Amino acid sequence: MRKETSSRKSPRKSSGSSAAKRRRRTEASLGSRLLNSMKELRAHLRGEIQLSETVYHVPPETDVSALRKKLGLSQSDFAALFGFNVRSVQDWEQGRRRPEIPIRAYLAVIQRDPEAVIRALRAA
């Protein structure tokens, strides 16, 4: 279907900073992805399509102390660099607490490629 357009040009309003433009594009992209996901879900519930399933394995334990020492960081430097609370790092290392699943996944990524995580955090 083709959309008819007028030959008359309308004045454009200033859309603000490039950060605002990126945010609007991201919101529009997120909105369209959410709508597509809802359409897929409805089709699945009607039995029209079969949805795929992705399973991720999160390590049951990560030796935070060994990881931190391997990187040559103090507890406070490790916490500051990767966005943890120093007290949490101390509790994990001393066995008083266990990192929650999302934190264990993040620690696994840090363990696998700490430089990539550091670059990503600095770029944010």
PDB file of N, CA and C in Angstrom:
ATOM      1  N   MET A   1       0.840  -1.164   0.000  1.00  0.00           N
ATOM      2  CA  MET A   1       0.000   0.000   0.000  1.00  0.00           C
ATOM      3  C   MET A   1       0.892   1.236   0.000  1.00  0.00           C
ATOM      4  N   ARG A   2       0.577   2.209  -0.842  1.00  0.00           N
ATOM      5  CA  ARG A   2       1.392   3.397  -0.982  1.00  0.00           C
ATOM      6  C   ARG A   2       0.736   4.566  -0.275  1.00  0.00           C
ATOM      7  N   LYS A   3       1.514   5.341   0.423  1.00  0.00           N
ATOM      8  CA  LYS A   3       0.991   6.479   1.153  1.00  0.00           C
ATOM      9  C   LYS A   3       1.105   7.718   0.284  1.00  0.00           C
ATOM     10  N   GLU A   4       0.010   8.444   0.130  1.00  0.00           N
ATOM     11  CA  GLU A   4       0.008   9.690  -0.629  1.00  0.00           C
ATOM     12  C   GLU A   4       0.651  10.769   0.232  1.00  0.00           C
ATOM     13  N   THR A   5       1.486  11.597  -0.384  1.00  0.00           N
ATOM     14  CA  THR A   5       2.114  12.683   0.353  1.00  0.00           C
ATOM     15  C   THR A   5       1.806  13.999  -0.320  1.00  0.00           C
ATOM     16  N   SER A   6       1.744  15.020   0.457  1.00  0.00           N
ATOM     17  CA  SER A   6       1.476  16.353  -0.057  1.00  0.00           C
ATOM     18  C   SER A   6       2.771  16.946  -0.574  1.00  0.00           C
ATOM     19  N   SER A   7       2.672  17.764  -1.615  1.00  0.00           N
ATOM     20  CA  SER A   7       3.871  18.401  -2.151  1.00  0.00           C
ATOM     21  C   SER A   7       4.237  19.631  -1.342  1.00  0.00           C
ATOM     22  N   ARG A   8       3.343  20.065  -0.467  1.00  0.00           N
ATOM     23  CA  ARG A   8       3.612  21.212   0.378  1.00  0.00           C
ATOM     24  C   ARG A   8       4.510  20.797   1.536  1.00  0.00           C
ATOM     25  N   LYS A   9       5.573  21.540   1.749  1.00  0.00           N
ATOM     26  CA  LYS A   9       6.488  21.211   2.835  1.00  0.00           C
ATOM     27  C   LYS A   9       6.062  21.917   4.104  1.00  0.00           C
ATOM     28  N   SER A  10       6.096  21.161   5.184  1.00  0.00           N
ATOM     29  CA  SER A  10       5.770  21.768   6.470  1.00  0.00           C
ATOM     30  C   SER A  10       7.063  22.118   7.182  1.00  0.00           C
ATOM     31  N   PRO A  11       7.054  23.204   7.938  1.00  0.00           N
ATOM     32  CA  PRO A  11       8.284  23.582   8.645  1.00  0.00           C
ATOM     33  C   PRO A  11       8.621  22.536   9.694  1.00  0.00           C
ATOM     34  N   ARG A  12       9.894  22.225   9.788  1.00  0.00           N
ATOM     35  CA  ARG A  12      10.347  21.243  10.780  1.00  0.00           C
ATOM     36  C   ARG A  12      10.641  21.932  12.087  1.00  0.00           C
ATOM     37  N   LYS A  13      10.256  21.253  13.142  1.00  0.00           N
ATOM     38  CA  LYS A  13      10.582  21.755  14.472  1.00  0.00           C
ATOM     39  C   LYS A  13      11.935  21.199  14.863  1.00  0.00           C
ATOM     40  N   SER A  14      12.665  21.953  15.642  1.00  0.00           N
ATOM     41  CA  SER A  14      13.947  21.467  16.139  1.00  0.00           C
ATOM     42  C   SER A  14      13.683  20.298  17.071  1.00  0.00           C
ATOM     43  N   SER A  15      14.372  19.209  16.828  1.00  0.00           N
ATOM     44  CA  SER A  15      14.100  18.018  17.625  1.00  0.00           C
ATOM     45  C   SER A  15      15.048  17.868  18.802  1.00  0.00           C
ATOM     46  N   GLY A  16      15.884  18.861  19.052  1.00  0.00           N
ATOM     47  CA  GLY A  16      16.722  18.792  20.234  1.00  0.00           C
ATOM     48  C   GLY A  16      18.081  18.177  19.969  1.00  0.00           C
ATOM     49  N   SER A  17      18.710  17.752  21.029  1.00  0.00           N
ATOM     50  CA  SER A  17      20.065  17.226  20.949  1.00  0.00           C
ATOM     51  C   SER A  17      20.115  15.861  20.286  1.00  0.00           C
ATOM     52  N   SER A  18      21.320  15.486  19.896  1.00  0.00           N
ATOM     53  CA  SER A  18      21.480  14.161  19.287  1.00  0.00           C
ATOM     54  C   SER A  18      21.198  13.058  20.303  1.00  0.00           C
ATOM     55  N   ALA A  19      21.464  13.316  21.582  1.00  0.00           N
ATOM     56  CA  ALA A  19      21.148  12.314  22.612  1.00  0.00           C
ATOM     57  C   ALA A  19      19.637  12.105  22.686  1.00  0.00           C
ATOM     58  N   ALA A  20      18.882  13.192  22.572  1.00  0.00           N
ATOM     59  CA  ALA A  20      17.423  13.078  22.597  1.00  0.00           C
ATOM     60  C   ALA A  20      16.930  12.317  21.375  1.00  0.00           C
ATOM     61  N   LYS A  21      17.560  12.558  20.230  1.00  0.00           N
ATOM     62  CA  LYS A  21      17.179  11.842  19.005  1.00  0.00           C
ATOM     63  C   LYS A  21      17.450  10.350  19.153  1.00  0.00           C
ATOM     64  N   ARG A  22      18.621  10.013  19.696  1.00  0.00           N
ATOM     65  CA  ARG A  22      18.956   8.599  19.899  1.00  0.00           C
ATOM     66  C   ARG A  22      17.972   7.947  20.856  1.00  0.00           C
ATOM     67  N   ARG A  23      17.603   8.666  21.908  1.00  0.00           N
ATOM     68  CA  ARG A  23      16.659   8.130  22.887  1.00  0.00           C
ATOM     69  C   ARG A  23      15.301   7.868  22.228  1.00  0.00           C
ATOM     70  N   ARG A  24      14.848   8.811  21.389  1.00  0.00           N
ATOM     71  CA  ARG A  24      13.564   8.613  20.705  1.00  0.00           C
ATOM     72  C   ARG A  24      13.636   7.433  19.751  1.00  0.00           C
ATOM     73  N   ARG A  25      14.769   7.286  19.018  1.00  0.00           N
ATOM     74  CA  ARG A  25      14.925   6.140  18.113  1.00  0.00           C
ATOM     75  C   ARG A  25      14.916   4.844  18.895  1.00  0.00           C
ATOM     76  N   THR A  26      15.609   4.831  20.030  1.00  0.00           N
ATOM     77  CA  THR A  26      15.654   3.636  20.868  1.00  0.00           C
ATOM     78  C   THR A  26      14.261   3.310  21.391  1.00  0.00           C
ATOM     79  N   GLU A  27      13.538   4.340  21.836  1.00  0.00           N
ATOM     80  CA  GLU A  27      12.183   4.115  22.341  1.00  0.00           C
ATOM     81  C   GLU A  27      11.277   3.589  21.236  1.00  0.00           C
ATOM     82  N   ALA A  28      11.413   4.153  20.016  1.00  0.00           N
ATOM     83  CA  ALA A  28      10.600   3.687  18.893  1.00  0.00           C
ATOM     84  C   ALA A  28      10.958   2.250  18.555  1.00  0.00           C
ATOM     85  N   SER A  29      12.260   1.957  18.558  1.00  0.00           N
ATOM     86  CA  SER A  29      12.711   0.602  18.266  1.00  0.00           C
ATOM     87  C   SER A  29      12.196  -0.366  19.331  1.00  0.00           C
ATOM     88  N   LEU A  30      12.291   0.044  20.582  1.00  0.00           N
ATOM     89  CA  LEU A  30      11.802  -0.799  21.672  1.00  0.00           C
ATOM     90  C   LEU A  30      10.298  -1.005  21.544  1.00  0.00           C
ATOM     91  N   GLY A  31       9.582   0.066  21.230  1.00  0.00           N
ATOM     92  CA  GLY A  31       8.136  -0.042  21.065  1.00  0.00           C
ATOM     93  C   GLY A  31       7.753  -1.006  19.956  1.00  0.00           C
ATOM     94  N   SER A  32       8.438  -0.918  18.817  1.00  0.00           N
ATOM     95  CA  SER A  32       8.107  -1.823  17.709  1.00  0.00           C
ATOM     96  C   SER A  32       8.482  -3.261  18.052  1.00  0.00           C
ATOM     97  N   ARG A  33       9.591  -3.452  18.777  1.00  0.00           N
ATOM     98  CA  ARG A  33       9.968  -4.810  19.175  1.00  0.00           C
ATOM     99  C   ARG A  33       8.950  -5.392  20.149  1.00  0.00           C
ATOM    100  N   LEU A  34       8.464  -4.555  21.070  1.00  0.00           N
ATOM    101  CA  LEU A  34       7.450  -5.028  22.013  1.00  0.00           C
ATOM    102  C   LEU A  34       6.161  -5.407  21.292  1.00  0.00           C
ATOM    103  N   LEU A  35       5.749  -4.577  20.331  1.00  0.00           N
ATOM    104  CA  LEU A  35       4.539  -4.897  19.571  1.00  0.00           C
ATOM    105  C   LEU A  35       4.705  -6.196  18.794  1.00  0.00           C
ATOM    106  N   ASN A  36       5.861  -6.369  18.154  1.00  0.00           N
ATOM    107  CA  ASN A  36       6.117  -7.611  17.417  1.00  0.00           C
ATOM    108  C   ASN A  36       6.107  -8.814  18.349  1.00  0.00           C
ATOM    109  N   SER A  37       6.671  -8.641  19.534  1.00  0.00           N
ATOM    110  CA  SER A  37       6.684  -9.741  20.506  1.00  0.00           C
ATOM    111  C   SER A  37       5.269 -10.107  20.935  1.00  0.00           C
ATOM    112  N   MET A  38       4.436  -9.102  21.134  1.00  0.00           N
ATOM    113  CA  MET A  38       3.046  -9.369  21.526  1.00  0.00           C
ATOM    114  C   MET A  38       2.294 -10.094  20.407  1.00  0.00           C
ATOM    115  N   LYS A  39       2.558  -9.703  19.157  1.00  0.00           N
ATOM    116  CA  LYS A  39       1.911 -10.379  18.023  1.00  0.00           C
ATOM    117  C   LYS A  39       2.349 -11.842  17.958  1.00  0.00           C
ATOM    118  N   GLU A  40       3.647 -12.077  18.172  1.00  0.00           N
ATOM    119  CA  GLU A  40       4.156 -13.454  18.172  1.00  0.00           C
ATOM    120  C   GLU A  40       3.521 -14.265  19.295  1.00  0.00           C
ATOM    121  N   LEU A  41       3.396 -13.655  20.462  1.00  0.00           N
ATOM    122  CA  LEU A  41       2.799 -14.354  21.598  1.00  0.00           C
ATOM    123  C   LEU A  41       1.348 -14.727  21.303  1.00  0.00           C
ATOM    124  N   ARG A  42       0.589 -13.801  20.730  1.00  0.00           N
ATOM    125  CA  ARG A  42      -0.804 -14.110  20.382  1.00  0.00           C
ATOM    126  C   ARG A  42      -0.867 -15.252  19.376  1.00  0.00           C
ATOM    127  N   ALA A  43       0.000 -15.215  18.360  1.00  0.00           N
ATOM    128  CA  ALA A  43       0.014 -16.289  17.360  1.00  0.00           C
ATOM    129  C   ALA A  43       0.382 -17.618  18.015  1.00  0.00           C
ATOM    130  N   HIS A  44       1.304 -17.589  18.958  1.00  0.00           N
ATOM    131  CA  HIS A  44       1.706 -18.804  19.670  1.00  0.00           C
ATOM    132  C   HIS A  44       0.538 -19.355  20.496  1.00  0.00           C
ATOM    133  N   LEU A  45      -0.144 -18.467  21.193  1.00  0.00           N
ATOM    134  CA  LEU A  45      -1.266 -18.903  22.027  1.00  0.00           C
ATOM    135  C   LEU A  45      -2.403 -19.486  21.186  1.00  0.00           C
ATOM    136  N   ARG A  46      -2.538 -19.019  19.962  1.00  0.00           N
ATOM    137  CA  ARG A  46      -3.550 -19.572  19.049  1.00  0.00           C
ATOM    138  C   ARG A  46      -3.082 -20.874  18.406  1.00  0.00           C
ATOM    139  N   GLY A  47      -1.817 -21.232  18.627  1.00  0.00           N
ATOM    140  CA  GLY A  47      -1.276 -22.453  18.040  1.00  0.00           C
ATOM    141  C   GLY A  47      -0.808 -22.281  16.607  1.00  0.00           C
ATOM    142  N   GLU A  48      -0.661 -21.029  16.166  1.00  0.00           N
ATOM    143  CA  GLU A  48      -0.262 -20.753  14.787  1.00  0.00           C
ATOM    144  C   GLU A  48       1.247 -20.887  14.580  1.00  0.00           C
ATOM    145  N   ILE A  49       2.020 -20.600  15.610  1.00  0.00           N
ATOM    146  CA  ILE A  49       3.477 -20.708  15.500  1.00  0.00           C
ATOM    147  C   ILE A  49       4.034 -21.368  16.755  1.00  0.00           C
ATOM    148  N   GLN A  50       5.239 -21.907  16.637  1.00  0.00           N
ATOM    149  CA  GLN A  50       5.950 -22.491  17.768  1.00  0.00           C
ATOM    150  C   GLN A  50       7.101 -21.548  18.110  1.00  0.00           C
ATOM    151  N   LEU A  51       7.174 -21.104  19.345  1.00  0.00           N
ATOM    152  CA  LEU A  51       8.245 -20.210  19.766  1.00  0.00           C
ATOM    153  C   LEU A  51       9.468 -21.016  20.175  1.00  0.00           C
ATOM    154  N   SER A  52      10.633 -20.456  19.899  1.00  0.00           N
ATOM    155  CA  SER A  52      11.869 -21.126  20.302  1.00  0.00           C
ATOM    156  C   SER A  52      12.184 -20.765  21.754  1.00  0.00           C
ATOM    157  N   GLU A  53      12.985 -21.583  22.363  1.00  0.00           N
ATOM    158  CA  GLU A  53      13.352 -21.373  23.756  1.00  0.00           C
ATOM    159  C   GLU A  53      14.865 -21.298  23.847  1.00  0.00           C
ATOM    160  N   THR A  54      15.364 -20.315  24.586  1.00  0.00           N
ATOM    161  CA  THR A  54      16.794 -20.171  24.794  1.00  0.00           C
ATOM    162  C   THR A  54      17.080 -20.357  26.272  1.00  0.00           C
ATOM    163  N   VAL A  55      18.021 -21.220  26.581  1.00  0.00           N
ATOM    164  CA  VAL A  55      18.386 -21.485  27.968  1.00  0.00           C
ATOM    165  C   VAL A  55      19.834 -21.052  28.159  1.00  0.00           C
ATOM    166  N   TYR A  56      20.070 -20.258  29.185  1.00  0.00           N
ATOM    167  CA  TYR A  56      21.414 -19.796  29.503  1.00  0.00           C
ATOM    168  C   TYR A  56      21.872 -20.459  30.798  1.00  0.00           C
ATOM    169  N   HIS A  57      23.118 -20.883  30.817  1.00  0.00           N
ATOM    170  CA  HIS A  57      23.682 -21.508  32.005  1.00  0.00           C
ATOM    171  C   HIS A  57      24.452 -20.454  32.794  1.00  0.00           C
ATOM    172  N   VAL A  58      24.092 -20.298  34.054  1.00  0.00           N
ATOM    173  CA  VAL A  58      24.806 -19.383  34.936  1.00  0.00           C
ATOM    174  C   VAL A  58      25.599 -20.232  35.910  1.00  0.00           C
ATOM    175  N   PRO A  59      26.895 -19.967  36.035  1.00  0.00           N
ATOM    176  CA  PRO A  59      27.709 -20.773  36.945  1.00  0.00           C
ATOM    177  C   PRO A  59      27.147 -20.737  38.368  1.00  0.00           C
ATOM    178  N   PRO A  60      27.144 -21.885  39.046  1.00  0.00           N
ATOM    179  CA  PRO A  60      26.607 -21.917  40.405  1.00  0.00           C
ATOM    180  C   PRO A  60      27.444 -21.086  41.376  1.00  0.00           C
ATOM    181  N   GLU A  61      28.728 -21.041  41.160  1.00  0.00           N
ATOM    182  CA  GLU A  61      29.618 -20.285  42.050  1.00  0.00           C
ATOM    183  C   GLU A  61      30.719 -19.618  41.242  1.00  0.00           C
ATOM    184  N   THR A  62      31.166 -18.487  41.720  1.00  0.00           N
ATOM    185  CA  THR A  62      32.333 -17.815  41.161  1.00  0.00           C
ATOM    186  C   THR A  62      33.217 -17.451  42.336  1.00  0.00           C
ATOM    187  N   ASP A  63      34.482 -17.782  42.245  1.00  0.00           N
ATOM    188  CA  ASP A  63      35.422 -17.437  43.302  1.00  0.00           C
ATOM    189  C   ASP A  63      35.820 -15.977  43.099  1.00  0.00           C
ATOM    190  N   VAL A  64      35.085 -15.094  43.758  1.00  0.00           N
ATOM    191  CA  VAL A  64      35.281 -13.655  43.582  1.00  0.00           C
ATOM    192  C   VAL A  64      36.687 -13.251  44.007  1.00  0.00           C
ATOM    193  N   SER A  65      37.169 -13.815  45.097  1.00  0.00           N
ATOM    194  CA  SER A  65      38.507 -13.487  45.583  1.00  0.00           C
ATOM    195  C   SER A  65      39.573 -13.854  44.552  1.00  0.00           C
ATOM    196  N   ALA A  66      39.473 -15.046  43.981  1.00  0.00           N
ATOM    197  CA  ALA A  66      40.449 -15.479  42.972  1.00  0.00           C
ATOM    198  C   ALA A  66      40.376 -14.599  41.728  1.00  0.00           C
ATOM    199  N   LEU A  67      39.169 -14.250  41.307  1.00  0.00           N
ATOM    200  CA  LEU A  67      39.002 -13.388  40.136  1.00  0.00           C
ATOM    201  C   LEU A  67      39.616 -12.022  40.394  1.00  0.00           C
ATOM    202  N   ARG A  68      39.314 -11.449  41.536  1.00  0.00           N
ATOM    203  CA  ARG A  68      39.838 -10.131  41.892  1.00  0.00           C
ATOM    204  C   ARG A  68      41.363 -10.145  41.956  1.00  0.00           C
ATOM    205  N   LYS A  69      41.923 -11.182  42.587  1.00  0.00           N
ATOM    206  CA  LYS A  69      43.382 -11.284  42.706  1.00  0.00           C
ATOM    207  C   LYS A  69      44.037 -11.504  41.351  1.00  0.00           C
ATOM    208  N   LYS A  70      43.383 -12.284  40.487  1.00  0.00           N
ATOM    209  CA  LYS A  70      43.900 -12.513  39.132  1.00  0.00           C
ATOM    210  C   LYS A  70      44.007 -11.196  38.365  1.00  0.00           C
ATOM    211  N   LEU A  71      43.075 -10.284  38.642  1.00  0.00           N
ATOM    212  CA  LEU A  71      43.086  -8.979  37.985  1.00  0.00           C
ATOM    213  C   LEU A  71      44.017  -7.993  38.689  1.00  0.00           C
ATOM    214  N   GLY A  72      44.565  -8.406  39.840  1.00  0.00           N
ATOM    215  CA  GLY A  72      45.499  -7.555  40.573  1.00  0.00           C
ATOM    216  C   GLY A  72      44.839  -6.345  41.212  1.00  0.00           C
ATOM    217  N   LEU A  73      43.607  -6.512  41.687  1.00  0.00           N
ATOM    218  CA  LEU A  73      42.862  -5.392  42.252  1.00  0.00           C
ATOM    219  C   LEU A  73      42.563  -5.609  43.728  1.00  0.00           C
ATOM    220  N   SER A  74      42.517  -4.511  44.465  1.00  0.00           N
ATOM    221  CA  SER A  74      42.059  -4.575  45.854  1.00  0.00           C
ATOM    222  C   SER A  74      40.541  -4.725  45.838  1.00  0.00           C
ATOM    223  N   GLN A  75      39.973  -5.036  46.993  1.00  0.00           N
ATOM    224  CA  GLN A  75      38.516  -5.164  47.067  1.00  0.00           C
ATOM    225  C   GLN A  75      37.830  -3.860  46.669  1.00  0.00           C
ATOM    226  N   SER A  76      38.352  -2.740  47.151  1.00  0.00           N
ATOM    227  CA  SER A  76      37.716  -1.456  46.836  1.00  0.00           C
ATOM    228  C   SER A  76      37.884  -1.089  45.363  1.00  0.00           C
ATOM    229  N   ASP A  77      39.054  -1.385  44.783  1.00  0.00           N
ATOM    230  CA  ASP A  77      39.258  -1.096  43.357  1.00  0.00           C
ATOM    231  C   ASP A  77      38.382  -1.988  42.481  1.00  0.00           C
ATOM    232  N   PHE A  78      38.281  -3.265  42.832  1.00  0.00           N
ATOM    233  CA  PHE A  78      37.434  -4.205  42.091  1.00  0.00           C
ATOM    234  C   PHE A  78      35.982  -3.733  42.130  1.00  0.00           C
ATOM    235  N   ALA A  79      35.529  -3.349  43.333  1.00  0.00           N
ATOM    236  CA  ALA A  79      34.149  -2.883  43.497  1.00  0.00           C
ATOM    237  C   ALA A  79      33.900  -1.621  42.677  1.00  0.00           C
ATOM    238  N   ALA A  80      34.811  -0.672  42.758  1.00  0.00           N
ATOM    239  CA  ALA A  80      34.634   0.591  42.034  1.00  0.00           C
ATOM    240  C   ALA A  80      34.665   0.381  40.523  1.00  0.00           C
ATOM    241  N   LEU A  81      35.582  -0.438  40.049  1.00  0.00           N
ATOM    242  CA  LEU A  81      35.743  -0.652  38.612  1.00  0.00           C
ATOM    243  C   LEU A  81      34.528  -1.311  37.985  1.00  0.00           C
ATOM    244  N   PHE A  82      33.950  -2.294  38.683  1.00  0.00           N
ATOM    245  CA  PHE A  82      32.855  -3.060  38.096  1.00  0.00           C
ATOM    246  C   PHE A  82      31.471  -2.706  38.660  1.00  0.00           C
ATOM    247  N   GLY A  83      31.402  -1.694  39.527  1.00  0.00           N
ATOM    248  CA  GLY A  83      30.108  -1.211  39.997  1.00  0.00           C
ATOM    249  C   GLY A  83      29.487  -1.990  41.137  1.00  0.00           C
ATOM    250  N   PHE A  84      30.318  -2.610  41.958  1.00  0.00           N
ATOM    251  CA  PHE A  84      29.815  -3.347  43.112  1.00  0.00           C
ATOM    252  C   PHE A  84      29.976  -2.513  44.372  1.00  0.00           C
ATOM    253  N   ASN A  85      29.259  -2.885  45.403  1.00  0.00           N
ATOM    254  CA  ASN A  85      29.431  -2.313  46.721  1.00  0.00           C
ATOM    255  C   ASN A  85      30.595  -3.055  47.374  1.00  0.00           C
ATOM    256  N   VAL A  86      31.514  -2.327  47.998  1.00  0.00           N
ATOM    257  CA  VAL A  86      32.688  -2.956  48.622  1.00  0.00           C
ATOM    258  C   VAL A  86      32.260  -3.985  49.663  1.00  0.00           C
ATOM    259  N   ARG A  87      31.246  -3.656  50.428  1.00  0.00           N
ATOM    260  CA  ARG A  87      30.777  -4.574  51.470  1.00  0.00           C
ATOM    261  C   ARG A  87      30.272  -5.881  50.851  1.00  0.00           C
ATOM    262  N   SER A  88      29.602  -5.787  49.694  1.00  0.00           N
ATOM    263  CA  SER A  88      29.130  -7.000  49.010  1.00  0.00           C
ATOM    264  C   SER A  88      30.308  -7.866  48.587  1.00  0.00           C
ATOM    265  N   VAL A  89      31.342  -7.238  48.029  1.00  0.00           N
ATOM    266  CA  VAL A  89      32.534  -7.991  47.615  1.00  0.00           C
ATOM    267  C   VAL A  89      33.132  -8.698  48.825  1.00  0.00           C
ATOM    268  N   GLN A  90      33.241  -7.997  49.941  1.00  0.00           N
ATOM    269  CA  GLN A  90      33.782  -8.599  51.160  1.00  0.00           C
ATOM    270  C   GLN A  90      32.915  -9.767  51.621  1.00  0.00           C
ATOM    271  N   ASP A  91      31.603  -9.584  51.604  1.00  0.00           N
ATOM    272  CA  ASP A  91      30.690 -10.651  52.029  1.00  0.00           C
ATOM    273  C   ASP A  91      30.798 -11.873  51.119  1.00  0.00           C
ATOM    274  N   TRP A  92      30.915 -11.665  49.806  1.00  0.00           N
ATOM    275  CA  TRP A  92      31.046 -12.787  48.864  1.00  0.00           C
ATOM    276  C   TRP A  92      32.340 -13.542  49.121  1.00  0.00           C
ATOM    277  N   GLU A  93      33.416 -12.789  49.302  1.00  0.00           N
ATOM    278  CA  GLU A  93      34.723 -13.426  49.488  1.00  0.00           C
ATOM    279  C   GLU A  93      34.807 -14.187  50.805  1.00  0.00           C
ATOM    280  N   GLN A  94      34.150 -13.707  51.829  1.00  0.00           N
ATOM    281  CA  GLN A  94      34.226 -14.342  53.139  1.00  0.00           C
ATOM    282  C   GLN A  94      33.104 -15.349  53.370  1.00  0.00           C
ATOM    283  N   GLY A  95      32.286 -15.582  52.348  1.00  0.00           N
ATOM    284  CA  GLY A  95      31.248 -16.600  52.433  1.00  0.00           C
ATOM    285  C   GLY A  95      30.023 -16.220  53.243  1.00  0.00           C
ATOM    286  N   ARG A  96      29.896 -14.960  53.600  1.00  0.00           N
ATOM    287  CA  ARG A  96      28.718 -14.525  54.359  1.00  0.00           C
ATOM    288  C   ARG A  96      27.493 -14.388  53.467  1.00  0.00           C
ATOM    289  N   ARG A  97      27.739 -14.101  52.202  1.00  0.00           N
ATOM    290  CA  ARG A  97      26.651 -13.988  51.227  1.00  0.00           C
ATOM    291  C   ARG A  97      27.098 -14.595  49.917  1.00  0.00           C
ATOM    292  N   ARG A  98      26.110 -14.923  49.099  1.00  0.00           N
ATOM    293  CA  ARG A  98      26.372 -15.504  47.781  1.00  0.00           C
ATOM    294  C   ARG A  98      25.831 -14.530  46.728  1.00  0.00           C
ATOM    295  N   PRO A  99      26.595 -14.250  45.682  1.00  0.00           N
ATOM    296  CA  PRO A  99      26.079 -13.348  44.640  1.00  0.00           C
ATOM    297  C   PRO A  99      24.796 -13.913  44.029  1.00  0.00           C
ATOM    298  N   GLU A 100      23.839 -13.036  43.767  1.00  0.00           N
ATOM    299  CA  GLU A 100      22.585 -13.449  43.138  1.00  0.00           C
ATOM    300  C   GLU A 100      22.863 -13.840  41.685  1.00  0.00           C
ATOM    301  N   ILE A 101      21.894 -14.492  41.050  1.00  0.00           N
ATOM    302  CA  ILE A 101      22.085 -15.030  39.697  1.00  0.00           C
ATOM    303  C   ILE A 101      22.552 -13.970  38.696  1.00  0.00           C
ATOM    304  N   PRO A 102      21.923 -12.779  38.616  1.00  0.00           N
ATOM    305  CA  PRO A 102      22.415 -11.795  37.639  1.00  0.00           C
ATOM    306  C   PRO A 102      23.857 -11.365  37.908  1.00  0.00           C
ATOM    307  N   ILE A 103      24.220 -11.273  39.189  1.00  0.00           N
ATOM    308  CA  ILE A 103      25.593 -10.901  39.548  1.00  0.00           C
ATOM    309  C   ILE A 103      26.555 -12.019  39.166  1.00  0.00           C
ATOM    310  N   ARG A 104      26.152 -13.279  39.374  1.00  0.00           N
ATOM    311  CA  ARG A 104      27.018 -14.403  38.978  1.00  0.00           C
ATOM    312  C   ARG A 104      27.224 -14.405  37.466  1.00  0.00           C
ATOM    313  N   ALA A 105      26.182 -14.067  36.714  1.00  0.00           N
ATOM    314  CA  ALA A 105      26.321 -13.988  35.254  1.00  0.00           C
ATOM    315  C   ALA A 105      27.298 -12.872  34.888  1.00  0.00           C
ATOM    316  N   TYR A 106      27.170 -11.723  35.538  1.00  0.00           N
ATOM    317  CA  TYR A 106      28.070 -10.592  35.302  1.00  0.00           C
ATOM    318  C   TYR A 106      29.506 -10.968  35.675  1.00  0.00           C
ATOM    319  N   LEU A 107      29.679 -11.641  36.800  1.00  0.00           N
ATOM    320  CA  LEU A 107      31.016 -12.082  37.208  1.00  0.00           C
ATOM    321  C   LEU A 107      31.609 -13.061  36.195  1.00  0.00           C
ATOM    322  N   ALA A 108      30.769 -13.918  35.616  1.00  0.00           N
ATOM    323  CA  ALA A 108      31.249 -14.862  34.599  1.00  0.00           C
ATOM    324  C   ALA A 108      31.744 -14.117  33.366  1.00  0.00           C
ATOM    325  N   VAL A 109      31.050 -13.042  32.999  1.00  0.00           N
ATOM    326  CA  VAL A 109      31.484 -12.231  31.854  1.00  0.00           C
ATOM    327  C   VAL A 109      32.796 -11.535  32.190  1.00  0.00           C
ATOM    328  N   ILE A 110      32.902 -11.002  33.398  1.00  0.00           N
ATOM    329  CA  ILE A 110      34.148 -10.358  33.828  1.00  0.00           C
ATOM    330  C   ILE A 110      35.287 -11.363  33.787  1.00  0.00           C
ATOM    331  N   GLN A 111      35.026 -12.573  34.263  1.00  0.00           N
ATOM    332  CA  GLN A 111      36.051 -13.612  34.290  1.00  0.00           C
ATOM    333  C   GLN A 111      36.499 -13.985  32.878  1.00  0.00           C
ATOM    334  N   ARG A 112      35.552 -14.034  31.962  1.00  0.00           N
ATOM    335  CA  ARG A 112      35.852 -14.444  30.585  1.00  0.00           C
ATOM    336  C   ARG A 112      36.638 -13.379  29.829  1.00  0.00           C
ATOM    337  N   ASP A 113      36.226 -12.095  29.959  1.00  0.00           N
ATOM    338  CA  ASP A 113      36.883 -11.027  29.205  1.00  0.00           C
ATOM    339  C   ASP A 113      36.800  -9.710  29.970  1.00  0.00           C
ATOM    340  N   PRO A 114      37.630  -9.558  31.000  1.00  0.00           N
ATOM    341  CA  PRO A 114      37.549  -8.352  31.827  1.00  0.00           C
ATOM    342  C   PRO A 114      37.799  -7.064  31.045  1.00  0.00           C
ATOM    343  N   GLU A 115      38.689  -7.111  30.057  1.00  0.00           N
ATOM    344  CA  GLU A 115      38.993  -5.902  29.281  1.00  0.00           C
ATOM    345  C   GLU A 115      37.780  -5.430  28.492  1.00  0.00           C
ATOM    346  N   ALA A 116      37.009  -6.360  27.945  1.00  0.00           N
ATOM    347  CA  ALA A 116      35.801  -5.986  27.199  1.00  0.00           C
ATOM    348  C   ALA A 116      34.789  -5.322  28.127  1.00  0.00           C
ATOM    349  N   VAL A 117      34.655  -5.841  29.338  1.00  0.00           N
ATOM    350  CA  VAL A 117      33.723  -5.253  30.304  1.00  0.00           C
ATOM    351  C   VAL A 117      34.189  -3.855  30.677  1.00  0.00           C
ATOM    352  N   ILE A 118      35.473  -3.698  30.917  1.00  0.00           N
ATOM    353  CA  ILE A 118      36.021  -2.388  31.282  1.00  0.00           C
ATOM    354  C   ILE A 118      35.803  -1.390  30.146  1.00  0.00           C
ATOM    355  N   ARG A 119      36.074  -1.800  28.903  1.00  0.00           N
ATOM    356  CA  ARG A 119      35.848  -0.905  27.748  1.00  0.00           C
ATOM    357  C   ARG A 119      34.378  -0.509  27.656  1.00  0.00           C
ATOM    358  N   ALA A 120      33.491  -1.463  27.832  1.00  0.00           N
ATOM    359  CA  ALA A 120      32.052  -1.179  27.739  1.00  0.00           C
ATOM    360  C   ALA A 120      31.613  -0.218  28.841  1.00  0.00           C
ATOM    361  N   LEU A 121      32.111  -0.416  30.043  1.00  0.00           N
ATOM    362  CA  LEU A 121      31.731   0.460  31.148  1.00  0.00           C
ATOM    363  C   LEU A 121      32.279   1.869  30.952  1.00  0.00           C
ATOM    364  N   ARG A 122      33.467   1.985  30.413  1.00  0.00           N
ATOM    365  CA  ARG A 122      34.047   3.317  30.177  1.00  0.00           C
ATOM    366  C   ARG A 122      33.334   4.048  29.053  1.00  0.00           C
ATOM    367  N   ALA A 123      32.809   3.309  28.094  1.00  0.00           N
ATOM    368  CA  ALA A 123      32.109   3.923  26.964  1.00  0.00           C
ATOM    369  C   ALA A 123      30.697   4.365  27.340  1.00  0.00           C
ATOM    370  N   ALA A 124      30.164   3.808  28.411  1.00  0.00           N
ATOM    371  CA  ALA A 124      28.769   4.119  28.799  1.00  0.00           C
ATOM    372  C   ALA A 124      28.639   5.505  29.382  1.00  0.00           C
TER     373      ALA A 124
END
